[in-house]
């Protein structure tokens, strides 16, 4: 890369590394042989700089996240299979791929705030009805549980909602005490899904 990195992700076996950069390229590296495998760039979107990357376990696809657009790529050919665009009504504040690689989620901010979940099976993509955010506050931080059954979503207000990933229904709401000032900058589940750390 010729400029600083904007995102990176390791493969599950830690043998490969994918990086995105301010130089508008995405690169896949072989860590064992220490060489570049492939460079990715959308010829129709040359100024695209992802802020998140997700490699599928089957090594067939990867997803790149960005405030204005999310893209699903074919890892072998470099072809873009699907693009989710924001609009004048909303932008993507956080993007997450579930551990089982079957669901993609994005927090939406702007005039049309909420949470969007897509079910992804190979190249078949099913959109689950969009979830409204409370009091017109956007979901800025997301976290999938290790078993991919639960999605935690938090924002600038003092609560985190836990959603059933398959149905989009609210399982419970976690509220912080009024006297505690908190901004959810990151969230992660414990491996046994008993605790959520923020």
Protein backbone atom coordinates (compact mmCIF):
# COMPACT_ATOMS: atom_id res chain seq x y z
CA UNK A 1 0.00 0.00 0.00
CA UNK A 2 1.12 3.54 -0.71
CA UNK A 3 -0.98 5.17 2.04
CA UNK A 4 -2.15 4.32 5.61
CA UNK A 5 -4.49 1.40 6.25
CA UNK A 6 -8.19 1.96 6.87
CA UNK A 7 -9.16 -1.64 7.78
CA UNK A 8 -7.75 -5.17 8.08
CA UNK A 9 -8.93 -8.70 8.85
CA UNK A 10 -7.25 -12.09 9.31
CA UNK A 11 -8.57 -15.33 7.84
CA UNK A 12 -9.89 -17.79 10.42
CA UNK A 13 -6.76 -19.97 10.10
CA UNK A 14 -4.55 -16.85 10.34
CA UNK A 15 -2.72 -17.78 7.15
CA UNK A 16 -4.02 -14.82 5.17
CA UNK A 17 -4.48 -11.11 5.84
CA UNK A 18 -6.72 -8.67 3.97
CA UNK A 19 -6.05 -4.95 4.16
CA UNK A 20 -7.77 -1.81 2.88
CA UNK A 21 -5.97 1.47 2.44
CA UNK A 22 -6.41 5.18 1.83
CA UNK A 23 -4.78 4.46 -1.55
CA UNK A 24 -8.21 3.08 -2.65
CA UNK A 25 -7.09 -0.55 -2.91
CA UNK A 26 -7.87 -3.75 -1.02
CA UNK A 27 -5.14 -6.39 -0.86
CA UNK A 28 -5.02 -10.06 0.13
CA UNK A 29 -1.73 -11.32 1.58
CA UNK A 30 -0.23 -14.77 2.18
CA UNK A 31 1.31 -14.55 5.66
CA UNK A 32 3.24 -17.81 5.46
CA UNK A 33 4.93 -17.03 2.14
CA UNK A 34 4.88 -13.27 2.87
CA UNK A 35 3.69 -12.17 -0.54
CA UNK A 36 0.73 -10.42 -2.15
CA UNK A 37 -1.96 -12.73 -3.51
CA UNK A 38 -4.35 -10.26 -5.15
CA UNK A 39 -5.30 -6.58 -5.32
CA UNK A 40 -8.95 -5.53 -5.48
CA UNK A 41 -10.39 -2.27 -6.74
CA UNK A 42 -13.78 -1.33 -8.14
CA UNK A 43 -13.15 0.22 -11.59
CA UNK A 44 -16.45 2.10 -11.27
CA UNK A 45 -15.69 3.43 -7.79
CA UNK A 46 -12.00 4.36 -7.70
CA UNK A 47 -12.27 6.55 -4.57
CA UNK A 48 -13.75 3.81 -2.39
CA UNK A 49 -12.00 3.43 1.01
CA UNK A 50 -13.56 0.72 3.25
CA UNK A 51 -13.52 1.16 7.02
CA UNK A 52 -14.25 -2.53 7.72
CA UNK A 53 -13.50 -5.90 6.09
CA UNK A 54 -14.97 -9.39 6.58
CA UNK A 55 -13.61 -12.60 5.05
CA UNK A 56 -16.00 -15.53 4.61
CA UNK A 57 -14.82 -18.81 6.10
CA UNK A 58 -15.35 -20.61 2.78
CA UNK A 59 -12.81 -18.25 1.14
CA UNK A 60 -15.28 -17.52 -1.67
CA UNK A 61 -16.35 -14.00 -0.71
CA UNK A 62 -15.53 -10.95 1.34
CA UNK A 63 -17.45 -7.86 2.40
CA UNK A 64 -16.15 -4.30 2.66
CA UNK A 65 -18.00 -1.73 4.74
CA UNK A 66 -18.18 2.02 4.23
CA UNK A 67 -20.38 4.86 5.47
CA UNK A 68 -21.94 5.32 2.03
CA UNK A 69 -21.84 1.83 0.53
CA UNK A 70 -21.25 -1.81 1.50
CA UNK A 71 -19.96 -4.28 -1.08
CA UNK A 72 -19.86 -8.06 -1.38
CA UNK A 73 -16.98 -9.36 -3.55
CA UNK A 74 -16.02 -12.64 -5.20
CA UNK A 75 -12.63 -13.41 -3.66
CA UNK A 76 -11.36 -15.36 -6.68
CA UNK A 77 -12.43 -13.10 -9.53
CA UNK A 78 -12.61 -9.73 -7.77
CA UNK A 79 -16.11 -9.23 -9.15
CA UNK A 80 -18.56 -7.22 -7.03
CA UNK A 81 -21.62 -9.38 -6.44
CA UNK A 82 -23.75 -6.91 -4.51
CA UNK A 83 -23.63 -3.24 -3.46
CA UNK A 84 -25.77 -1.73 -0.72
CA UNK A 85 -25.92 2.05 -1.16
CA UNK A 86 -26.85 4.63 1.42
CA UNK A 87 -29.04 7.55 0.38
CA UNK A 88 -29.85 11.13 1.28
CA UNK A 89 -32.04 9.64 4.03
CA UNK A 90 -29.47 7.49 5.84
CA UNK A 91 -25.84 6.36 6.06
CA UNK A 92 -24.20 3.23 7.48
CA UNK A 93 -22.68 3.81 10.94
CA UNK A 94 -21.44 0.27 11.65
CA UNK A 95 -21.28 -2.95 9.66
CA UNK A 96 -20.90 -6.48 11.03
CA UNK A 97 -20.87 -10.01 9.54
CA UNK A 98 -22.12 -12.79 11.81
CA UNK A 99 -19.61 -15.49 12.89
CA UNK A 100 -21.48 -18.13 10.87
CA UNK A 101 -21.26 -15.82 7.81
CA UNK A 102 -25.02 -16.02 7.23
CA UNK A 103 -26.10 -12.53 8.32
CA UNK A 104 -24.93 -9.00 7.55
CA UNK A 105 -26.04 -6.10 9.74
CA UNK A 106 -25.66 -2.33 9.44
CA UNK A 107 -26.69 0.50 11.71
CA UNK A 108 -28.33 3.31 9.74
CA UNK A 109 -28.22 6.98 10.70
CA UNK A 110 -29.67 10.15 9.21
CA UNK A 111 -33.30 10.87 8.45
CA UNK A 112 -34.12 7.16 8.11
CA UNK A 113 -32.47 5.73 11.24
CA UNK A 114 -32.62 2.11 12.30
CA UNK A 115 -30.99 -1.28 11.89
CA UNK A 116 -30.87 -3.36 8.74
CA UNK A 117 -30.15 -7.10 8.67
CA UNK A 118 -29.63 -9.22 5.54
CA UNK A 119 -29.55 -13.03 5.38
CA UNK A 120 -26.77 -14.11 3.04
CA UNK A 121 -26.60 -17.62 1.59
CA UNK A 122 -23.98 -17.91 -1.13
CA UNK A 123 -25.17 -15.24 -3.60
CA UNK A 124 -28.80 -15.35 -2.43
CA UNK A 125 -29.57 -12.31 -0.26
CA UNK A 126 -32.76 -11.87 1.74
CA UNK A 127 -33.53 -8.56 3.46
CA UNK A 128 -35.12 -8.76 6.90
CA UNK A 129 -37.56 -5.87 7.62
CA UNK A 130 -35.71 -2.81 8.87
CA UNK A 131 -35.75 -2.17 12.62
CA UNK A 132 -36.53 1.32 13.83
CA UNK A 133 -34.13 2.93 16.32
CA UNK A 134 -35.68 4.40 19.49
CA UNK A 135 -36.24 8.17 19.66
CA UNK A 136 -34.65 8.67 16.23
CA UNK A 137 -31.21 7.73 17.59
CA UNK A 138 -29.00 5.71 15.28
CA UNK A 139 -27.35 2.39 16.13
CA UNK A 140 -23.63 3.24 16.04
CA UNK A 141 -22.22 -0.01 17.48
CA UNK A 142 -23.19 -3.61 16.69
CA UNK A 143 -22.03 -7.01 17.94
CA UNK A 144 -23.08 -10.55 17.02
CA UNK A 145 -23.04 -13.28 19.64
CA UNK A 146 -20.56 -16.13 18.94
CA UNK A 147 -23.43 -18.45 17.96
CA UNK A 148 -24.82 -15.77 15.58
CA UNK A 149 -28.28 -15.97 17.21
CA UNK A 150 -28.24 -12.55 18.90
CA UNK A 151 -27.32 -9.07 17.66
CA UNK A 152 -26.54 -6.35 20.19
CA UNK A 153 -27.09 -2.76 19.04
CA UNK A 154 -26.22 0.41 20.92
CA UNK A 155 -26.14 4.09 20.15
CA UNK A 156 -25.66 7.50 21.66
CA UNK A 157 -28.56 6.95 24.08
CA UNK A 158 -28.12 4.96 27.31
CA UNK A 159 -29.37 1.56 26.25
CA UNK A 160 -28.43 -1.53 24.30
CA UNK A 161 -31.04 -3.66 22.57
CA UNK A 162 -30.59 -7.39 21.96
CA UNK A 163 -32.29 -8.67 18.82
CA UNK A 164 -33.17 -12.14 17.58
CA UNK A 165 -31.16 -12.24 14.35
CA UNK A 166 -33.58 -14.48 12.44
CA UNK A 167 -36.74 -12.50 13.21
CA UNK A 168 -35.46 -9.02 14.12
CA UNK A 169 -37.57 -9.04 17.28
CA UNK A 170 -36.28 -7.41 20.49
CA UNK A 171 -35.22 -9.97 23.12
CA UNK A 172 -34.38 -7.50 25.86
CA UNK A 173 -33.18 -3.95 26.52
CA UNK A 174 -30.21 -3.16 28.76
CA UNK A 175 -30.30 0.33 30.29
CA UNK A 176 -27.46 2.12 32.06
CA UNK A 177 -28.09 4.16 35.24
CA UNK A 178 -29.01 7.79 34.58
CA UNK A 179 -26.05 9.06 36.58
CA UNK A 180 -23.55 7.23 34.35
CA UNK A 181 -22.47 8.99 31.16
CA UNK A 182 -21.60 6.39 28.55
CA UNK A 183 -21.00 6.26 24.83
CA UNK A 184 -20.85 2.79 23.36
CA UNK A 185 -17.61 2.82 21.34
CA UNK A 186 -17.34 -0.98 21.07
CA UNK A 187 -19.18 -4.10 22.21
CA UNK A 188 -18.26 -7.80 22.41
CA UNK A 189 -19.96 -10.93 23.73
CA UNK A 190 -18.22 -13.42 25.99
CA UNK A 191 -17.61 -16.82 24.30
CA UNK A 192 -20.44 -18.43 26.31
CA UNK A 193 -22.87 -15.60 25.37
CA UNK A 194 -23.58 -14.94 29.04
CA UNK A 195 -21.94 -11.49 29.20
CA UNK A 196 -21.77 -8.48 26.91
CA UNK A 197 -18.80 -6.15 27.38
CA UNK A 198 -18.98 -2.47 26.36
